[in-house]
Protein backbone atom coordinates (compact mmCIF):
# COMPACT_ATOMS: atom_id res chain seq x y z
CA MET A 1 137.26 122.85 72.69
CA LYS A 2 136.88 125.31 75.53
CA THR A 3 133.36 125.64 76.93
CA LEU A 4 131.23 127.80 79.22
CA GLU A 5 128.73 126.38 81.69
CA LEU A 6 125.83 128.40 83.12
CA HIS A 7 123.83 125.76 85.01
CA LEU A 8 125.78 123.72 87.55
CA HIS A 9 124.52 123.04 91.06
CA LEU A 10 127.44 123.14 93.48
CA GLU A 11 126.11 120.45 95.82
CA GLY A 12 124.82 118.44 92.87
CA ALA A 13 128.31 118.41 91.38
CA ALA A 14 129.79 116.74 94.46
CA PRO A 15 131.45 113.45 93.40
CA PRO A 16 130.12 110.44 95.35
CA ALA A 17 133.64 109.71 96.64
CA PHE A 18 133.87 113.23 98.06
CA ILE A 19 130.55 112.85 99.89
CA ARG A 20 131.44 109.39 101.17
CA GLY A 21 134.75 110.70 102.48
CA LEU A 22 133.11 113.64 104.20
CA ALA A 23 130.46 111.36 105.72
CA ALA A 24 133.19 109.08 107.08
CA GLU A 25 134.94 112.08 108.69
CA LYS A 26 131.69 113.10 110.36
CA HIS A 27 130.56 109.55 111.19
CA ALA A 28 127.34 110.26 109.27
CA ASP A 29 125.04 107.46 108.14
CA LEU A 30 124.18 107.74 104.43
CA THR A 31 122.48 104.37 104.08
CA GLY A 32 120.52 104.23 100.84
CA VAL A 33 122.28 107.16 99.19
CA PHE A 34 124.67 105.01 97.12
CA ASP A 35 124.26 101.88 95.01
CA GLU A 36 126.54 98.85 95.05
CA GLN A 37 128.95 100.52 92.59
CA GLY A 38 129.24 103.59 94.82
CA ASN A 39 127.12 105.85 92.61
CA TYR A 40 124.18 107.93 93.80
CA ALA A 41 121.03 105.79 94.00
CA TYR A 42 117.53 107.13 93.31
CA ASP A 43 114.38 106.44 91.32
CA GLY A 44 112.56 109.27 89.52
CA PHE A 45 112.69 112.99 90.20
CA ASP A 46 111.24 112.82 93.73
CA GLY A 47 113.77 110.13 94.58
CA PHE A 48 116.50 112.29 93.08
CA LEU A 49 115.53 115.21 95.34
CA ARG A 50 115.56 112.97 98.42
CA CYS A 51 118.95 111.50 97.47
CA TYR A 52 120.33 114.96 96.72
CA GLU A 53 119.25 116.40 100.06
CA ALA A 54 120.49 113.35 101.99
CA ALA A 55 123.88 113.43 100.29
CA THR A 56 124.34 117.16 100.81
CA SER A 57 123.36 116.92 104.48
CA VAL A 58 127.02 116.18 105.29
CA LEU A 59 128.03 119.58 103.88
CA GLN A 60 127.73 121.57 107.10
CA THR A 61 130.58 124.03 107.56
CA PRO A 62 132.18 126.83 105.53
CA GLN A 63 135.27 124.67 105.13
CA ASP A 64 133.17 121.79 103.77
CA TYR A 65 131.88 124.07 101.05
CA ALA A 66 135.31 125.51 100.35
CA ARG A 67 136.68 122.01 99.83
CA LEU A 68 133.74 121.10 97.62
CA LEU A 69 134.12 124.21 95.48
CA ALA A 70 137.81 123.52 94.94
CA GLU A 71 137.00 119.95 93.88
CA VAL A 72 134.20 120.99 91.52
CA LEU A 73 136.14 123.78 89.83
CA GLU A 74 139.13 121.52 89.28
CA ARG A 75 136.92 118.86 87.70
CA SER A 76 135.20 121.45 85.49
CA ALA A 77 138.54 122.76 84.31
CA GLY A 78 139.55 119.20 83.47
CA GLN A 79 136.56 119.11 81.11
CA GLY A 80 137.69 122.24 79.28
CA VAL A 81 135.29 124.61 81.07
CA ILE A 82 136.86 128.08 81.33
CA TYR A 83 133.91 129.82 83.02
CA THR A 84 131.31 128.28 85.34
CA GLU A 85 128.20 129.67 87.00
CA LEU A 86 127.27 127.68 90.08
CA PHE A 87 123.91 127.50 91.81
CA VAL A 88 124.58 127.86 95.53
CA SER A 89 121.84 127.96 98.14
CA PRO A 90 122.14 129.84 101.46
CA GLU A 91 119.49 127.36 102.63
CA PHE A 92 122.18 124.68 102.62
CA CYS A 93 124.88 127.10 103.81
CA GLY A 94 123.59 128.01 107.24
CA GLY A 95 119.82 127.62 106.87
CA GLY A 96 119.34 130.99 105.19
CA ASP A 97 120.81 132.85 108.17
CA LEU A 98 122.69 135.91 106.87
CA PRO A 99 125.69 135.81 109.29
CA ALA A 100 126.11 132.06 108.67
CA TRP A 101 125.88 132.64 104.93
CA ARG A 102 128.57 135.34 105.13
CA ASP A 103 130.91 132.82 106.78
CA HIS A 104 130.27 130.24 104.06
CA LEU A 105 130.63 132.84 101.34
CA ALA A 106 133.96 134.07 102.69
CA ALA A 107 135.38 130.55 102.58
CA MET A 108 134.12 129.93 99.04
CA THR A 109 135.17 133.34 97.74
CA GLU A 110 138.73 132.67 98.84
CA VAL A 111 138.76 129.42 96.86
CA ALA A 112 137.12 131.06 93.83
CA GLY A 113 139.68 133.86 93.88
CA LYS A 114 142.61 131.45 93.92
CA ALA A 115 141.06 129.43 91.10
CA ARG A 116 140.45 132.58 89.05
CA ALA A 117 144.10 133.49 89.36
CA GLN A 118 144.86 130.08 87.83
CA GLY A 119 142.51 130.68 84.91
CA ILE A 120 139.47 128.84 86.34
CA ASP A 121 136.77 131.51 86.47
CA SER A 122 133.40 131.20 88.20
CA ARG A 123 130.43 133.11 89.58
CA ALA A 124 127.65 132.20 92.03
CA ILE A 125 123.89 132.30 91.49
CA LEU A 126 122.24 132.21 94.91
CA THR A 127 119.28 129.88 94.72
CA ALA A 128 115.96 129.78 96.52
CA ILE A 129 114.45 126.30 96.95
CA ARG A 130 110.95 126.39 95.51
CA HIS A 131 109.42 123.60 97.55
CA PHE A 132 110.60 125.28 100.77
CA GLY A 133 108.08 128.05 100.10
CA PRO A 134 108.03 131.83 99.47
CA ASP A 135 108.82 132.86 103.05
CA ARG A 136 112.08 130.95 103.12
CA ALA A 137 112.90 132.22 99.63
CA ARG A 138 112.86 135.74 101.06
CA LYS A 139 115.72 134.81 103.38
CA THR A 140 117.79 133.71 100.37
CA ALA A 141 116.91 136.94 98.55
CA ILE A 142 118.10 138.98 101.53
CA CYS A 143 121.35 137.00 101.56
CA VAL A 144 121.92 137.75 97.88
CA ALA A 145 121.04 141.43 98.24
CA GLU A 146 123.41 141.83 101.18
CA THR A 147 126.36 139.99 99.60
CA ALA A 148 126.04 140.88 95.91
CA GLY A 149 129.20 141.66 93.98
CA ASP A 150 132.40 140.00 92.78
CA TRP A 151 131.55 136.28 93.01
CA VAL A 152 127.81 136.61 93.74
CA THR A 153 126.23 137.93 90.54
CA GLY A 154 122.88 136.15 90.12
CA PHE A 155 119.69 134.98 91.80
CA GLY A 156 117.58 132.01 90.79
CA MET A 157 115.15 129.39 91.99
CA GLY A 158 115.42 125.61 91.82
CA GLY A 159 113.64 122.73 93.48
CA ALA A 160 110.31 121.12 92.63
CA GLU A 161 108.82 123.07 89.70
CA THR A 162 105.30 121.80 90.30
CA VAL A 163 105.01 123.43 93.76
CA GLY A 164 102.99 126.64 93.47
CA ARG A 165 103.78 129.21 90.79
CA ALA A 166 107.00 131.11 90.25
CA THR A 167 105.08 134.36 90.59
CA ASP A 168 104.41 133.42 94.24
CA TYR A 169 108.08 134.34 94.76
CA ALA A 170 107.88 137.80 93.18
CA TRP A 171 109.10 139.58 96.33
CA SER A 172 112.36 137.64 96.27
CA PHE A 173 112.99 138.28 92.59
CA ASP A 174 112.17 141.98 93.01
CA CYS A 175 114.63 142.16 95.91
CA ALA A 176 117.41 140.54 93.87
CA ARG A 177 116.72 142.69 90.80
CA GLU A 178 116.86 145.90 92.88
CA ALA A 179 120.26 144.73 94.16
CA GLY A 180 121.50 144.51 90.56
CA LEU A 181 121.59 140.71 90.25
CA GLY A 182 120.97 138.72 87.09
CA LEU A 183 117.80 136.63 87.27
CA THR A 184 117.11 133.06 86.20
CA CYS A 185 114.56 130.45 87.23
CA HIS A 186 114.07 126.73 86.72
CA ALA A 187 110.99 126.30 84.52
CA GLY A 188 109.71 124.22 81.65
CA GLU A 189 111.43 121.03 82.75
CA TRP A 190 108.64 119.28 84.67
CA ALA A 191 105.99 121.97 84.30
CA GLY A 192 104.52 123.23 81.05
CA PRO A 193 105.02 126.38 78.99
CA ASP A 194 103.04 128.51 81.45
CA SER A 195 105.79 127.97 84.02
CA ILE A 196 108.20 129.64 81.60
CA ARG A 197 105.82 132.56 81.11
CA ASP A 198 105.68 132.98 84.91
CA ALA A 199 109.48 133.11 85.05
CA LEU A 200 109.55 135.72 82.29
CA ALA A 201 106.99 137.76 84.21
CA LEU A 202 109.48 137.88 87.09
CA GLY A 203 112.02 139.57 84.82
CA CYS A 204 114.25 136.56 84.17
CA THR A 205 116.57 136.90 81.17
CA ARG A 206 117.47 133.22 81.41
CA ILE A 207 115.46 130.07 82.04
CA GLY A 208 116.87 127.00 83.75
CA HIS A 209 116.08 124.12 81.38
CA GLY A 210 113.09 125.69 79.57
CA VAL A 211 112.80 122.79 77.13
CA GLY A 212 109.05 122.54 77.64
CA ALA A 213 108.72 125.66 75.50
CA ILE A 214 108.83 123.38 72.47
CA GLU A 215 105.20 122.46 73.22
CA ASP A 216 104.08 126.04 72.45
CA PRO A 217 105.15 127.55 69.09
CA ALA A 218 104.05 131.04 70.17
CA LEU A 219 106.26 130.84 73.25
CA VAL A 220 109.19 129.63 71.16
CA ARG A 221 108.81 132.67 68.91
CA ASP A 222 108.59 134.93 71.95
CA LEU A 223 111.77 133.49 73.46
CA ALA A 224 113.58 133.94 70.17
CA ASP A 225 112.32 137.50 69.67
CA LYS A 226 113.26 138.57 73.20
CA GLY A 227 116.68 136.88 73.13
CA VAL A 228 115.94 134.85 76.26
CA THR A 229 118.63 132.24 76.92
CA LEU A 230 117.81 128.67 77.94
CA GLU A 231 120.22 126.83 80.25
CA VAL A 232 119.65 123.43 78.66
CA CYS A 233 120.91 120.26 80.36
CA PRO A 234 120.24 117.44 77.86
CA GLY A 235 121.95 114.64 79.78
CA SER A 236 119.98 115.50 82.90
CA ASN A 237 116.70 115.51 80.96
CA VAL A 238 117.40 112.13 79.41
CA ALA A 239 118.61 110.57 82.67
CA LEU A 240 115.47 111.68 84.53
CA GLY A 241 113.16 110.55 81.72
CA VAL A 242 111.95 113.98 80.62
CA TYR A 243 112.86 112.76 77.11
CA PRO A 244 113.39 109.12 76.13
CA SER A 245 116.62 109.66 74.18
CA TRP A 246 119.13 112.23 73.03
CA SER A 247 117.69 112.26 69.52
CA ALA A 248 114.24 113.06 70.98
CA HIS A 249 115.55 116.03 72.94
CA PRO A 250 114.26 119.39 71.59
CA ILE A 251 117.49 121.40 71.93
CA ALA A 252 118.18 121.29 68.18
CA ARG A 253 114.61 122.24 67.28
CA LEU A 254 114.76 125.16 69.70
CA ALA A 255 118.07 126.36 68.24
CA ASP A 256 116.74 126.00 64.69
CA ALA A 257 113.79 128.19 65.72
CA GLY A 258 116.17 130.94 66.80
CA VAL A 259 116.11 130.35 70.56
CA ARG A 260 119.42 130.94 72.33
CA VAL A 261 120.38 127.61 73.91
CA THR A 262 123.37 126.74 76.05
CA VAL A 263 124.63 123.39 77.33
CA SER A 264 125.28 122.48 80.97
CA THR A 265 125.53 119.36 83.13
CA ASP A 266 123.14 120.31 85.98
CA ASP A 267 124.17 117.68 88.58
CA PRO A 268 126.75 115.67 86.65
CA PRO A 269 127.62 112.76 88.99
CA PHE A 270 123.93 112.07 89.58
CA PHE A 271 123.39 111.76 85.83
CA HIS A 272 126.72 110.12 84.89
CA THR A 273 127.67 112.97 82.59
CA THR A 274 130.39 115.53 81.91
CA MET A 275 130.63 118.52 79.60
CA ARG A 276 132.63 116.48 77.10
CA ARG A 277 130.01 113.74 77.15
CA GLU A 278 127.24 116.31 76.58
CA TYR A 279 129.02 117.65 73.51
CA ASP A 280 129.85 114.17 72.20
CA ARG A 281 126.26 113.00 72.50
CA LEU A 282 124.90 116.18 70.87
CA ALA A 283 127.34 115.67 68.00
CA ASP A 284 126.15 112.08 67.62
CA ALA A 285 122.45 112.94 67.86
CA PHE A 286 122.31 116.06 65.68
CA GLY A 287 125.54 116.17 63.71
CA TRP A 288 126.66 119.30 65.52
CA GLY A 289 130.28 120.38 65.15
CA ASP A 290 132.57 123.33 65.86
CA THR A 291 130.23 125.88 64.26
CA GLU A 292 127.22 124.97 66.38
CA PHE A 293 129.20 124.58 69.58
CA ALA A 294 130.99 127.90 69.11
CA GLN A 295 127.60 129.59 68.67
CA ILE A 296 126.29 127.97 71.85
CA ASN A 297 129.26 129.29 73.79
CA ARG A 298 128.87 132.80 72.33
CA TRP A 299 125.26 132.76 73.50
CA ALA A 300 126.47 131.61 76.92
CA ALA A 301 128.98 134.46 77.11
CA ASP A 302 126.32 136.98 76.12
CA ALA A 303 123.98 135.67 78.83
CA ALA A 304 126.56 135.21 81.59
CA PHE A 305 126.04 137.11 84.84
CA CYS A 306 129.46 138.71 84.74
CA ASP A 307 131.11 142.09 84.21
CA PRO A 308 131.65 143.46 80.69
CA ALA A 309 135.41 142.89 80.75
CA THR A 310 134.94 139.20 81.58
CA ARG A 311 132.27 138.85 78.89
CA ASP A 312 134.54 140.42 76.26
CA ARG A 313 137.36 138.08 77.25
CA LEU A 314 135.09 135.05 76.98
CA LEU A 315 133.71 136.10 73.60
CA LYS A 316 137.23 136.34 72.21
CA GLU A 317 137.60 132.60 72.85
CA PHE A 318 134.83 131.88 70.32
CA PRO A 319 135.38 134.13 67.28
């Protein structure tokens, strides 16, 4: 079936072969980034972050990012994804410098426009990196405020959840909200329910991951009552050891409690997953079928950071 994806990191979706090829072109040394089979190599979440940042270090120019976006969108379309929201960080696209970001954005927007004309639709959520600190997050917020519109429709924050509190970044979220951007924030993956409450205090209508809410029944009820949408990435959670197995994952319990959940792949080549694999494993673990998956995609369409005409078109795919 067709699917929507709201939580896909552009750099994290880079296939290992793409990164190896780019490193060879640039004569860059990526020793330790890949295992003997050519896959990304890391141990634990901290190791994942180090591997991620080392791998993406070869993405340096606007054309590098344009090539990556074309590759990622084509692969998503091959998985049946008809609409994708990508986390893209100006930190990686020119160090948070606004003129450099504009150059990167122009190259990616051209690719996104061509793909949209071919039926492969996408939007960008500009992403502050939490462990880089609040001051650097402000630079990303300025980039998003100055380039909002068309492809850039959201602002979020990723990185190490346990560094500080999300509310330390209130200036950046206020800046993005005043510019009319949708707001999301990674929370409740490695930190507890209070991290989700902090993200809600910032005005986020979506939470990246958010699965830790299951530890707090009152928070689960609050999420359900407010219609907050969780960008759940089960395969990522299992691969990183947040949960020991698919059957232990709380996505079904959250949905049964009335919380709006969606399904995404996060950083698929790092976690050896695809959208089809996510759906297959959820079907195996919880007996989900067309009814449940159609509902998940309707929730995704409702929560998407897109214009009303695009939302209406997406909803028609899942009657």
